[in-house]
């Protein structure tokens, strides 16, 4: 339930941003590309050094809100996210926007708490247990920025690295339930973007 609610919040954040986004090169403050505009908050992106991977303010915001939600419910569990907060510390505009998005969708409102939540996976003594939550805040960031396919992925692994829970949210999905959640030994179920589940769905053959 906690994992699904975290993914639902992340999906709402993505959908709120998907219609309007400026892509900003890491070496420039000017927008190099602008998506079609609609009445939503703008998001900015920079290019991750070394692999030309774009990272948006939404990636950081999602990691902060999901990390904080999991820590509140399972303080002994460990956490591993794709991003680290080094770029947030170096870029005040990116940090401000990511914090704003995170707080609007249920994450920490305090800047220090937000930074700590994003960086929680880097803490040498974080979590006392052997389970670990693994998050890809936006898998397919280029798709996110261009209105194509992308997913929010969250999993819980045991001490051996075996998956106990897997939740995948597909924010752009409209024809099928946008969230798939599987629990080891209990199969896969479908959830809506907002509200309780599971809900009935028979995927096409």
N, C-alpha and C. Protein backbone atom coordinates (compact mmCIF):
# COMPACT_ATOMS: atom_id res chain seq x y z
N UNK A 1 0.83 -1.20 0.00
CA UNK A 1 0.00 0.00 0.00
C UNK A 1 0.87 1.26 0.00
N UNK A 2 1.91 1.26 0.82
CA UNK A 2 2.81 2.41 0.87
C UNK A 2 3.52 2.60 -0.47
N UNK A 3 3.98 1.51 -1.06
CA UNK A 3 4.69 1.60 -2.34
C UNK A 3 3.77 2.11 -3.44
N UNK A 4 2.54 1.62 -3.47
CA UNK A 4 1.60 2.04 -4.50
C UNK A 4 1.24 3.51 -4.32
N UNK A 5 1.01 3.94 -3.10
CA UNK A 5 0.68 5.34 -2.87
C UNK A 5 1.85 6.25 -3.27
N UNK A 6 3.07 5.81 -3.01
CA UNK A 6 4.24 6.61 -3.40
C UNK A 6 4.32 6.73 -4.91
N UNK A 7 4.07 5.63 -5.62
CA UNK A 7 4.10 5.67 -7.08
C UNK A 7 2.95 6.51 -7.62
N UNK A 8 1.77 6.43 -7.01
CA UNK A 8 0.66 7.28 -7.43
C UNK A 8 1.01 8.76 -7.31
N UNK A 9 1.62 9.15 -6.21
CA UNK A 9 2.03 10.55 -6.03
C UNK A 9 3.05 10.96 -7.09
N UNK A 10 3.99 10.06 -7.37
CA UNK A 10 5.00 10.34 -8.38
C UNK A 10 4.37 10.51 -9.76
N UNK A 11 3.38 9.69 -10.06
CA UNK A 11 2.70 9.78 -11.35
C UNK A 11 1.92 11.08 -11.48
N UNK A 12 1.29 11.50 -10.40
CA UNK A 12 0.57 12.77 -10.44
C UNK A 12 1.52 13.92 -10.72
N UNK A 13 2.70 13.87 -10.12
CA UNK A 13 3.71 14.89 -10.38
C UNK A 13 4.11 14.88 -11.85
N UNK A 14 4.36 13.70 -12.40
CA UNK A 14 4.75 13.60 -13.81
C UNK A 14 3.67 14.14 -14.73
N UNK A 15 2.43 13.77 -14.48
CA UNK A 15 1.35 14.21 -15.35
C UNK A 15 1.13 15.71 -15.26
N UNK A 16 1.40 16.30 -14.12
CA UNK A 16 1.25 17.74 -13.97
C UNK A 16 2.30 18.50 -14.77
N UNK A 17 3.43 17.86 -15.01
CA UNK A 17 4.54 18.51 -15.72
C UNK A 17 4.59 18.19 -17.20
N UNK A 18 3.93 17.13 -17.62
CA UNK A 18 4.20 16.56 -18.93
C UNK A 18 3.90 17.48 -20.10
N UNK A 19 3.02 18.45 -19.91
CA UNK A 19 2.61 19.30 -21.03
C UNK A 19 3.49 20.51 -21.25
N UNK A 20 4.31 20.85 -20.28
CA UNK A 20 5.12 22.05 -20.43
C UNK A 20 6.48 21.83 -19.79
N UNK A 21 7.51 21.85 -20.59
CA UNK A 21 8.82 21.58 -20.03
C UNK A 21 9.91 22.22 -20.89
N UNK A 22 10.79 22.95 -20.27
CA UNK A 22 11.93 23.51 -20.98
C UNK A 22 13.14 22.65 -20.69
N UNK A 23 13.88 22.29 -21.72
CA UNK A 23 15.08 21.50 -21.57
C UNK A 23 16.27 22.44 -21.58
N UNK A 24 17.06 22.41 -20.52
CA UNK A 24 18.17 23.34 -20.36
C UNK A 24 19.47 22.58 -20.37
N UNK A 25 20.40 22.98 -21.24
CA UNK A 25 21.71 22.35 -21.28
C UNK A 25 22.45 22.65 -19.98
N UNK A 26 23.29 21.72 -19.54
CA UNK A 26 23.97 21.88 -18.27
C UNK A 26 24.92 23.08 -18.27
N UNK A 27 25.37 23.52 -19.45
CA UNK A 27 26.30 24.65 -19.54
C UNK A 27 25.61 25.95 -19.93
N UNK A 28 24.29 25.93 -19.97
CA UNK A 28 23.59 27.12 -20.44
C UNK A 28 22.35 27.36 -19.60
N UNK A 29 22.00 28.61 -19.44
CA UNK A 29 20.78 28.96 -18.70
C UNK A 29 19.61 29.21 -19.63
N UNK A 30 19.83 29.10 -20.93
CA UNK A 30 18.76 29.36 -21.89
C UNK A 30 18.10 28.06 -22.31
N UNK A 31 16.82 28.10 -22.55
CA UNK A 31 16.10 26.91 -22.94
C UNK A 31 16.47 26.51 -24.36
N UNK A 32 16.88 25.26 -24.54
CA UNK A 32 17.23 24.78 -25.86
C UNK A 32 16.06 24.13 -26.56
N UNK A 33 15.03 23.76 -25.82
CA UNK A 33 13.88 23.10 -26.41
C UNK A 33 12.69 23.32 -25.50
N UNK A 34 11.55 23.58 -26.09
CA UNK A 34 10.34 23.79 -25.30
C UNK A 34 9.23 22.90 -25.84
N UNK A 35 8.54 22.19 -24.95
CA UNK A 35 7.42 21.37 -25.36
C UNK A 35 6.17 22.21 -25.48
N UNK A 36 5.11 21.62 -26.05
CA UNK A 36 3.84 22.33 -26.15
C UNK A 36 3.38 22.77 -24.77
N UNK A 37 2.89 23.97 -24.68
CA UNK A 37 2.53 24.54 -23.38
C UNK A 37 1.10 24.18 -23.00
N UNK A 38 0.86 24.04 -21.73
CA UNK A 38 -0.49 23.93 -21.17
C UNK A 38 -0.44 24.53 -19.78
N UNK A 39 -1.55 24.56 -19.09
CA UNK A 39 -1.59 25.24 -17.79
C UNK A 39 -1.03 24.37 -16.69
N UNK A 40 0.27 24.14 -16.72
CA UNK A 40 0.95 23.38 -15.68
C UNK A 40 2.24 24.09 -15.33
N UNK A 41 2.91 23.57 -14.33
CA UNK A 41 4.19 24.12 -13.90
C UNK A 41 5.28 23.68 -14.87
N UNK A 42 6.19 24.58 -15.19
CA UNK A 42 7.30 24.22 -16.08
C UNK A 42 8.33 23.41 -15.31
N UNK A 43 9.01 22.52 -16.00
CA UNK A 43 10.10 21.76 -15.40
C UNK A 43 11.36 21.99 -16.20
N UNK A 44 12.50 21.93 -15.59
CA UNK A 44 13.75 22.13 -16.31
C UNK A 44 14.59 20.87 -16.23
N UNK A 45 15.51 20.74 -17.17
CA UNK A 45 16.36 19.56 -17.23
C UNK A 45 17.79 19.97 -17.54
N UNK A 46 18.72 19.15 -17.11
CA UNK A 46 20.10 19.31 -17.54
C UNK A 46 20.58 17.96 -18.04
N UNK A 47 21.72 17.96 -18.72
CA UNK A 47 22.27 16.73 -19.28
C UNK A 47 23.29 16.17 -18.31
N UNK A 48 23.09 14.92 -17.90
CA UNK A 48 23.99 14.29 -16.94
C UNK A 48 25.36 14.07 -17.58
N UNK A 49 26.43 14.55 -16.96
CA UNK A 49 27.76 14.41 -17.53
C UNK A 49 28.14 12.94 -17.73
N UNK A 50 28.81 12.68 -18.86
CA UNK A 50 29.36 11.35 -19.08
C UNK A 50 28.51 10.45 -19.93
N UNK A 51 27.17 10.58 -19.87
CA UNK A 51 26.34 9.67 -20.65
C UNK A 51 25.22 10.36 -21.41
N UNK A 52 25.22 11.69 -21.41
CA UNK A 52 24.23 12.47 -22.15
C UNK A 52 22.79 12.13 -21.75
N UNK A 53 22.60 11.69 -20.52
CA UNK A 53 21.27 11.36 -20.03
C UNK A 53 20.62 12.60 -19.43
N UNK A 54 19.44 12.96 -19.89
CA UNK A 54 18.77 14.12 -19.29
C UNK A 54 18.17 13.77 -17.94
N UNK A 55 18.27 14.67 -17.01
CA UNK A 55 17.69 14.49 -15.68
C UNK A 55 16.83 15.71 -15.39
N UNK A 56 15.59 15.51 -15.04
CA UNK A 56 14.69 16.63 -14.80
C UNK A 56 14.55 16.92 -13.31
N UNK A 57 14.01 18.10 -13.04
CA UNK A 57 13.67 18.42 -11.65
C UNK A 57 12.70 17.39 -11.09
N UNK A 58 11.88 16.81 -11.95
CA UNK A 58 10.93 15.79 -11.51
C UNK A 58 11.63 14.55 -10.98
N UNK A 59 12.76 14.15 -11.59
CA UNK A 59 13.51 13.00 -11.09
C UNK A 59 13.88 13.19 -9.62
N UNK A 60 14.45 14.37 -9.33
CA UNK A 60 14.86 14.66 -7.95
C UNK A 60 13.65 14.77 -7.03
N UNK A 61 12.59 15.43 -7.50
CA UNK A 61 11.40 15.59 -6.67
C UNK A 61 10.78 14.25 -6.32
N UNK A 62 10.68 13.36 -7.31
CA UNK A 62 10.12 12.03 -7.06
C UNK A 62 10.99 11.24 -6.10
N UNK A 63 12.30 11.30 -6.30
CA UNK A 63 13.18 10.56 -5.40
C UNK A 63 13.04 11.06 -3.97
N UNK A 64 12.93 12.37 -3.80
CA UNK A 64 12.77 12.93 -2.47
C UNK A 64 11.48 12.51 -1.81
N UNK A 65 10.37 12.57 -2.56
CA UNK A 65 9.08 12.25 -1.92
C UNK A 65 8.93 10.76 -1.66
N UNK A 66 9.42 9.91 -2.57
CA UNK A 66 9.32 8.46 -2.36
C UNK A 66 10.25 8.02 -1.22
N UNK A 67 11.47 8.53 -1.22
CA UNK A 67 12.41 8.19 -0.15
C UNK A 67 11.87 8.57 1.21
N UNK A 68 11.32 9.78 1.32
CA UNK A 68 10.78 10.24 2.61
C UNK A 68 9.58 9.40 3.04
N UNK A 69 8.71 9.04 2.10
CA UNK A 69 7.53 8.24 2.44
C UNK A 69 7.92 6.86 2.94
N UNK A 70 8.90 6.25 2.29
CA UNK A 70 9.34 4.92 2.71
C UNK A 70 10.04 4.96 4.06
N UNK A 71 10.85 6.00 4.29
CA UNK A 71 11.54 6.12 5.58
C UNK A 71 10.54 6.30 6.72
N UNK A 72 9.47 7.05 6.46
CA UNK A 72 8.47 7.27 7.51
C UNK A 72 7.78 5.98 7.92
N UNK A 73 7.54 5.09 6.96
CA UNK A 73 6.83 3.84 7.24
C UNK A 73 7.78 2.71 7.64
N UNK A 74 8.98 2.70 7.04
CA UNK A 74 9.91 1.60 7.26
C UNK A 74 11.30 2.16 7.55
N UNK A 75 11.51 2.75 8.72
CA UNK A 75 12.79 3.42 9.00
C UNK A 75 14.00 2.49 9.00
N UNK A 76 13.78 1.19 9.18
CA UNK A 76 14.91 0.26 9.20
C UNK A 76 15.30 -0.23 7.82
N UNK A 77 14.45 0.01 6.82
CA UNK A 77 14.77 -0.42 5.47
C UNK A 77 15.79 0.52 4.84
N UNK A 78 16.61 -0.03 3.97
CA UNK A 78 17.57 0.77 3.24
C UNK A 78 16.92 1.30 1.96
N UNK A 79 17.60 2.21 1.29
CA UNK A 79 17.04 2.84 0.10
C UNK A 79 18.14 3.08 -0.92
N UNK A 80 17.81 2.84 -2.19
CA UNK A 80 18.75 3.12 -3.28
C UNK A 80 17.99 3.81 -4.40
N UNK A 81 18.38 5.03 -4.73
CA UNK A 81 17.76 5.78 -5.81
C UNK A 81 18.78 6.09 -6.89
N UNK A 82 18.29 6.44 -8.07
CA UNK A 82 19.19 6.67 -9.20
C UNK A 82 19.97 7.98 -9.08
N UNK A 83 19.38 8.99 -8.44
CA UNK A 83 20.00 10.31 -8.41
C UNK A 83 20.72 10.57 -7.09
N UNK A 84 21.64 11.56 -7.13
CA UNK A 84 22.20 12.07 -5.88
C UNK A 84 22.03 13.59 -5.90
N UNK A 85 22.16 14.19 -4.76
CA UNK A 85 21.80 15.60 -4.60
C UNK A 85 22.93 16.56 -4.92
N UNK A 86 24.06 16.06 -5.43
CA UNK A 86 25.17 16.94 -5.74
C UNK A 86 24.79 18.04 -6.71
N UNK A 87 24.03 17.68 -7.75
CA UNK A 87 23.62 18.67 -8.73
C UNK A 87 22.63 19.67 -8.14
N UNK A 88 21.81 19.22 -7.20
CA UNK A 88 20.88 20.14 -6.54
C UNK A 88 21.64 21.17 -5.72
N UNK A 89 22.69 20.74 -5.06
CA UNK A 89 23.48 21.67 -4.25
C UNK A 89 24.17 22.71 -5.12
N UNK A 90 24.53 22.33 -6.36
CA UNK A 90 25.27 23.22 -7.25
C UNK A 90 24.37 24.17 -8.05
N UNK A 91 23.09 23.86 -8.14
CA UNK A 91 22.19 24.62 -9.00
C UNK A 91 20.98 25.07 -8.19
N UNK A 92 20.98 26.34 -7.78
CA UNK A 92 19.93 26.86 -6.91
C UNK A 92 18.57 26.82 -7.59
N UNK A 93 18.51 27.11 -8.89
CA UNK A 93 17.23 27.11 -9.60
C UNK A 93 16.64 25.70 -9.67
N UNK A 94 17.49 24.73 -10.02
CA UNK A 94 17.04 23.35 -10.08
C UNK A 94 16.59 22.87 -8.71
N UNK A 95 17.35 23.21 -7.67
CA UNK A 95 17.02 22.82 -6.30
C UNK A 95 15.68 23.41 -5.86
N UNK A 96 15.47 24.68 -6.18
CA UNK A 96 14.24 25.35 -5.78
C UNK A 96 13.02 24.72 -6.46
N UNK A 97 13.14 24.44 -7.76
CA UNK A 97 12.02 23.85 -8.48
C UNK A 97 11.75 22.43 -8.01
N UNK A 98 12.81 21.64 -7.83
CA UNK A 98 12.62 20.26 -7.38
C UNK A 98 11.97 20.21 -6.00
N UNK A 99 12.40 21.09 -5.10
CA UNK A 99 11.80 21.15 -3.76
C UNK A 99 10.33 21.55 -3.85
N UNK A 100 10.03 22.52 -4.69
CA UNK A 100 8.64 22.97 -4.87
C UNK A 100 7.76 21.82 -5.34
N UNK A 101 8.23 21.09 -6.34
CA UNK A 101 7.46 19.96 -6.87
C UNK A 101 7.29 18.88 -5.82
N UNK A 102 8.37 18.56 -5.13
CA UNK A 102 8.33 17.51 -4.10
C UNK A 102 7.31 17.86 -3.03
N UNK A 103 7.34 19.09 -2.53
CA UNK A 103 6.44 19.48 -1.45
C UNK A 103 4.99 19.53 -1.90
N UNK A 104 4.75 19.89 -3.17
CA UNK A 104 3.39 19.97 -3.68
C UNK A 104 2.72 18.61 -3.79
N UNK A 105 3.52 17.57 -3.92
CA UNK A 105 2.95 16.24 -4.12
C UNK A 105 3.23 15.30 -2.96
N UNK A 106 3.42 15.86 -1.77
CA UNK A 106 3.46 15.05 -0.56
C UNK A 106 4.82 14.81 0.05
N UNK A 107 5.88 15.40 -0.52
CA UNK A 107 7.22 15.19 0.01
C UNK A 107 7.63 16.25 1.00
N UNK A 108 8.87 16.22 1.46
CA UNK A 108 9.36 17.20 2.44
C UNK A 108 9.24 18.63 1.93
N UNK A 109 8.90 19.53 2.83
CA UNK A 109 8.79 20.95 2.49
C UNK A 109 10.05 21.72 2.85
N UNK A 110 10.84 21.17 3.75
CA UNK A 110 12.08 21.80 4.19
C UNK A 110 13.22 21.42 3.25
N UNK A 111 14.04 22.40 2.85
CA UNK A 111 15.09 22.13 1.88
C UNK A 111 16.10 21.11 2.39
N UNK A 112 16.52 21.24 3.62
CA UNK A 112 17.51 20.29 4.18
C UNK A 112 16.93 18.88 4.22
N UNK A 113 15.67 18.75 4.62
CA UNK A 113 15.04 17.43 4.68
C UNK A 113 14.90 16.84 3.29
N UNK A 114 14.61 17.69 2.31
CA UNK A 114 14.49 17.24 0.92
C UNK A 114 15.83 16.72 0.40
N UNK A 115 16.88 17.49 0.62
CA UNK A 115 18.21 17.07 0.19
C UNK A 115 18.60 15.75 0.84
N UNK A 116 18.34 15.63 2.13
CA UNK A 116 18.65 14.39 2.85
C UNK A 116 17.88 13.20 2.27
N UNK A 117 16.61 13.44 1.90
CA UNK A 117 15.80 12.35 1.35
C UNK A 117 16.33 11.90 0.00
N UNK A 118 16.73 12.85 -0.85
CA UNK A 118 17.30 12.49 -2.15
C UNK A 118 18.59 11.70 -1.97
N UNK A 119 19.41 12.11 -1.03
CA UNK A 119 20.73 11.50 -0.82
C UNK A 119 20.72 10.33 0.15
N UNK A 120 19.56 9.89 0.60
CA UNK A 120 19.52 8.89 1.67
C UNK A 120 20.27 7.61 1.31
N UNK A 121 20.26 7.23 0.04
CA UNK A 121 20.95 6.02 -0.37
C UNK A 121 22.46 6.10 -0.24
N UNK A 122 22.98 7.33 -0.10
CA UNK A 122 24.42 7.51 0.03
C UNK A 122 24.90 7.48 1.46
N UNK A 123 23.97 7.50 2.41
CA UNK A 123 24.35 7.50 3.81
C UNK A 123 24.99 6.16 4.18
N UNK A 124 26.18 6.15 4.77
CA UNK A 124 26.85 4.88 5.07
C UNK A 124 26.10 4.04 6.10
N UNK A 125 25.36 4.67 6.99
CA UNK A 125 24.67 3.92 8.05
C UNK A 125 23.15 4.00 7.93
N UNK A 126 22.66 4.31 6.72
CA UNK A 126 21.21 4.46 6.58
C UNK A 126 20.52 3.10 6.67
N UNK A 127 19.49 3.07 7.51
CA UNK A 127 18.74 1.83 7.66
C UNK A 127 19.52 0.78 8.43
N UNK A 128 18.83 0.07 9.32
CA UNK A 128 19.47 -0.99 10.10
C UNK A 128 19.12 -2.38 9.58
N UNK A 129 18.09 -2.43 8.74
CA UNK A 129 17.65 -3.72 8.24
C UNK A 129 18.40 -4.16 6.99
N UNK A 130 18.02 -5.32 6.47
CA UNK A 130 18.69 -5.88 5.30
C UNK A 130 17.85 -5.73 4.04
N UNK A 131 16.59 -5.32 4.18
CA UNK A 131 15.78 -5.07 2.99
C UNK A 131 16.19 -3.73 2.37
N UNK A 132 16.04 -3.61 1.06
CA UNK A 132 16.38 -2.36 0.40
C UNK A 132 15.32 -2.04 -0.66
N UNK A 133 14.86 -0.79 -0.65
CA UNK A 133 13.96 -0.28 -1.68
C UNK A 133 14.82 0.30 -2.80
N UNK A 134 14.48 -0.02 -4.04
CA UNK A 134 15.22 0.46 -5.20
C UNK A 134 14.27 1.26 -6.09
N UNK A 135 14.66 2.49 -6.42
CA UNK A 135 13.79 3.39 -7.16
C UNK A 135 14.46 3.92 -8.42
N UNK A 136 13.74 3.86 -9.53
CA UNK A 136 14.09 4.65 -10.71
C UNK A 136 12.97 5.68 -10.85
N UNK A 137 13.24 6.93 -10.47
CA UNK A 137 12.15 7.92 -10.42
C UNK A 137 11.46 8.14 -11.75
N UNK A 138 12.23 8.20 -12.83
CA UNK A 138 11.66 8.27 -14.17
C UNK A 138 12.54 7.44 -15.08
N UNK A 139 12.06 6.26 -15.45
CA UNK A 139 12.78 5.41 -16.37
C UNK A 139 12.33 5.77 -17.78
N UNK A 140 13.21 6.47 -18.51
CA UNK A 140 12.83 6.98 -19.82
C UNK A 140 12.62 8.47 -19.77
N UNK A 141 13.60 9.20 -19.21
CA UNK A 141 13.44 10.65 -19.04
C UNK A 141 13.27 11.35 -20.38
N UNK A 142 13.95 10.87 -21.41
CA UNK A 142 13.78 11.47 -22.74
C UNK A 142 12.32 11.33 -23.20
N UNK A 143 11.73 10.17 -22.91
CA UNK A 143 10.32 9.98 -23.24
C UNK A 143 9.43 10.91 -22.45
N UNK A 144 9.77 11.10 -21.19
CA UNK A 144 9.00 12.02 -20.35
C UNK A 144 9.03 13.43 -20.92
N UNK A 145 10.20 13.87 -21.39
CA UNK A 145 10.35 15.24 -21.87
C UNK A 145 9.77 15.45 -23.26
N UNK A 146 9.50 14.37 -23.98
CA UNK A 146 8.98 14.51 -25.34
C UNK A 146 7.59 13.92 -25.51
N UNK A 147 6.92 13.63 -24.39
CA UNK A 147 5.56 13.13 -24.46
C UNK A 147 5.45 11.68 -24.91
N UNK A 148 6.51 10.91 -24.76
CA UNK A 148 6.51 9.51 -25.15
C UNK A 148 6.39 8.64 -23.90
N UNK A 149 6.74 7.37 -24.04
CA UNK A 149 6.57 6.43 -22.93
C UNK A 149 7.67 6.57 -21.87
N UNK A 150 7.29 6.39 -20.62
CA UNK A 150 8.23 6.35 -19.51
C UNK A 150 7.50 5.70 -18.34
N UNK A 151 8.26 5.27 -17.33
CA UNK A 151 7.65 4.61 -16.18
C UNK A 151 8.32 5.09 -14.90
N UNK A 152 7.61 4.92 -13.79
CA UNK A 152 8.15 5.08 -12.45
C UNK A 152 8.27 3.68 -11.86
N UNK A 153 9.48 3.28 -11.48
CA UNK A 153 9.70 1.92 -11.02
C UNK A 153 10.19 1.86 -9.58
N UNK A 154 9.56 1.02 -8.77
CA UNK A 154 9.93 0.86 -7.36
C UNK A 154 9.90 -0.62 -7.00
N UNK A 155 10.94 -1.09 -6.32
CA UNK A 155 10.99 -2.49 -5.91
C UNK A 155 11.53 -2.60 -4.50
N UNK A 156 11.16 -3.67 -3.82
CA UNK A 156 11.69 -4.01 -2.50
C UNK A 156 12.43 -5.33 -2.62
N UNK A 157 13.72 -5.34 -2.25
CA UNK A 157 14.54 -6.54 -2.33
C UNK A 157 14.89 -7.04 -0.94
N UNK A 158 15.05 -8.35 -0.81
CA UNK A 158 15.49 -8.91 0.46
C UNK A 158 17.02 -8.91 0.52
N UNK A 159 17.56 -9.49 1.58
CA UNK A 159 19.01 -9.45 1.80
C UNK A 159 19.79 -10.21 0.73
N UNK A 160 19.11 -11.10 0.01
CA UNK A 160 19.77 -11.85 -1.06
C UNK A 160 19.63 -11.18 -2.41
N UNK A 161 18.92 -10.09 -2.45
CA UNK A 161 18.70 -9.39 -3.71
C UNK A 161 17.49 -9.88 -4.47
N UNK A 162 16.69 -10.75 -3.85
CA UNK A 162 15.47 -11.24 -4.51
C UNK A 162 14.34 -10.23 -4.33
N UNK A 163 13.56 -10.05 -5.37
CA UNK A 163 12.47 -9.07 -5.33
C UNK A 163 11.31 -9.60 -4.50
N UNK A 164 10.86 -8.78 -3.55
CA UNK A 164 9.68 -9.09 -2.75
C UNK A 164 8.45 -8.36 -3.28
N UNK A 165 8.66 -7.12 -3.71
CA UNK A 165 7.58 -6.29 -4.23
C UNK A 165 8.12 -5.54 -5.46
N UNK A 166 7.29 -5.43 -6.48
CA UNK A 166 7.61 -4.61 -7.64
C UNK A 166 6.41 -3.78 -8.03
N UNK A 167 6.58 -2.48 -8.14
CA UNK A 167 5.49 -1.59 -8.56
C UNK A 167 5.98 -0.76 -9.74
N UNK A 168 5.21 -0.78 -10.81
CA UNK A 168 5.56 0.00 -12.00
C UNK A 168 4.37 0.86 -12.39
N UNK A 169 4.60 2.17 -12.44
CA UNK A 169 3.57 3.10 -12.84
C UNK A 169 3.88 3.68 -14.20
N UNK A 170 2.86 3.78 -15.05
CA UNK A 170 3.02 4.32 -16.41
C UNK A 170 2.11 5.54 -16.53
N UNK A 171 2.63 6.72 -16.18
CA UNK A 171 1.77 7.92 -16.14
C UNK A 171 1.01 8.22 -17.43
N UNK A 172 1.59 8.01 -18.64
CA UNK A 172 0.83 8.37 -19.84
C UNK A 172 -0.29 7.39 -20.19
N UNK A 173 -0.34 6.23 -19.54
CA UNK A 173 -1.27 5.18 -19.92
C UNK A 173 -2.72 5.60 -19.68
N UNK A 174 -3.56 5.44 -20.71
CA UNK A 174 -4.98 5.79 -20.60
C UNK A 174 -5.89 4.63 -20.93
N UNK A 175 -5.40 3.64 -21.69
CA UNK A 175 -6.26 2.54 -22.13
C UNK A 175 -6.31 1.38 -21.14
N UNK A 176 -5.36 1.31 -20.23
CA UNK A 176 -5.29 0.23 -19.25
C UNK A 176 -4.98 0.83 -17.89
N UNK A 177 -5.21 0.08 -16.80
CA UNK A 177 -4.79 0.59 -15.49
C UNK A 177 -3.31 0.93 -15.51
N UNK A 178 -2.92 2.11 -15.03
CA UNK A 178 -1.55 2.58 -15.21
C UNK A 178 -0.54 2.04 -14.21
N UNK A 179 -0.99 1.26 -13.21
CA UNK A 179 -0.05 0.74 -12.21
C UNK A 179 -0.17 -0.77 -12.13
N UNK A 180 0.98 -1.44 -12.22
CA UNK A 180 1.07 -2.88 -12.02
C UNK A 180 1.86 -3.11 -10.74
N UNK A 181 1.34 -3.94 -9.85
CA UNK A 181 2.02 -4.22 -8.59
C UNK A 181 2.05 -5.72 -8.37
N UNK A 182 3.25 -6.24 -8.11
CA UNK A 182 3.41 -7.67 -7.87
C UNK A 182 4.06 -7.89 -6.51
N UNK A 183 3.56 -8.89 -5.80
CA UNK A 183 4.12 -9.30 -4.51
C UNK A 183 4.53 -10.77 -4.62
N UNK A 184 5.74 -11.07 -4.20
CA UNK A 184 6.25 -12.43 -4.33
C UNK A 184 5.29 -13.42 -3.68
N UNK A 185 4.89 -14.41 -4.45
CA UNK A 185 3.99 -15.45 -3.95
C UNK A 185 2.52 -15.09 -4.03
N UNK A 186 2.21 -13.86 -4.46
CA UNK A 186 0.81 -13.43 -4.49
C UNK A 186 0.38 -12.88 -5.85
N UNK A 187 1.23 -12.98 -6.84
CA UNK A 187 0.84 -12.59 -8.19
C UNK A 187 0.84 -11.09 -8.42
N UNK A 188 0.28 -10.71 -9.57
CA UNK A 188 0.26 -9.32 -10.02
C UNK A 188 -1.15 -8.77 -9.98
N UNK A 189 -1.27 -7.51 -9.58
CA UNK A 189 -2.57 -6.82 -9.54
C UNK A 189 -2.43 -5.47 -10.20
N UNK A 190 -3.59 -4.88 -10.52
CA UNK A 190 -3.64 -3.60 -11.23
C UNK A 190 -4.24 -2.53 -10.33
N UNK A 191 -3.71 -1.31 -10.43
CA UNK A 191 -4.20 -0.20 -9.62
C UNK A 191 -4.45 1.02 -10.49
N UNK A 192 -5.38 1.87 -10.07
CA UNK A 192 -5.61 3.12 -10.80
C UNK A 192 -4.55 4.16 -10.47
N UNK A 193 -4.55 5.25 -11.23
CA UNK A 193 -3.59 6.33 -10.99
C UNK A 193 -3.86 7.03 -9.68
N UNK A 194 -5.14 7.05 -9.27
CA UNK A 194 -5.54 7.68 -8.02
C UNK A 194 -6.55 6.77 -7.33
N UNK A 195 -6.45 6.61 -6.03
CA UNK A 195 -7.45 5.86 -5.30
C UNK A 195 -7.04 4.42 -5.01
N UNK A 196 -8.00 3.69 -4.44
CA UNK A 196 -7.73 2.35 -3.94
C UNK A 196 -7.83 1.30 -5.04
N UNK A 197 -7.21 0.19 -4.81
CA UNK A 197 -7.25 -0.97 -5.69
C UNK A 197 -7.13 -2.22 -4.84
N UNK A 198 -6.93 -3.36 -5.46
CA UNK A 198 -6.76 -3.52 -6.90
C UNK A 198 -8.07 -3.41 -7.65
N UNK A 199 -7.94 -3.26 -8.99
CA UNK A 199 -9.10 -3.20 -9.86
C UNK A 199 -9.01 -4.30 -10.89
N UNK A 200 -10.15 -4.70 -11.43
CA UNK A 200 -10.19 -5.78 -12.40
C UNK A 200 -9.71 -5.31 -13.76
N UNK A 201 -8.88 -6.14 -14.39
CA UNK A 201 -8.43 -5.84 -15.74
C UNK A 201 -7.93 -7.12 -16.39
N UNK A 202 -8.39 -7.37 -17.60
CA UNK A 202 -7.92 -8.51 -18.39
C UNK A 202 -7.10 -7.98 -19.56
N UNK A 203 -5.78 -8.07 -19.48
CA UNK A 203 -4.95 -7.56 -20.57
C UNK A 203 -5.19 -8.32 -21.85
N UNK A 204 -5.08 -7.64 -22.98
CA UNK A 204 -5.27 -8.34 -24.26
C UNK A 204 -4.24 -9.42 -24.46
N UNK A 205 -4.61 -10.47 -25.16
CA UNK A 205 -3.71 -11.60 -25.41
C UNK A 205 -2.60 -11.18 -26.37
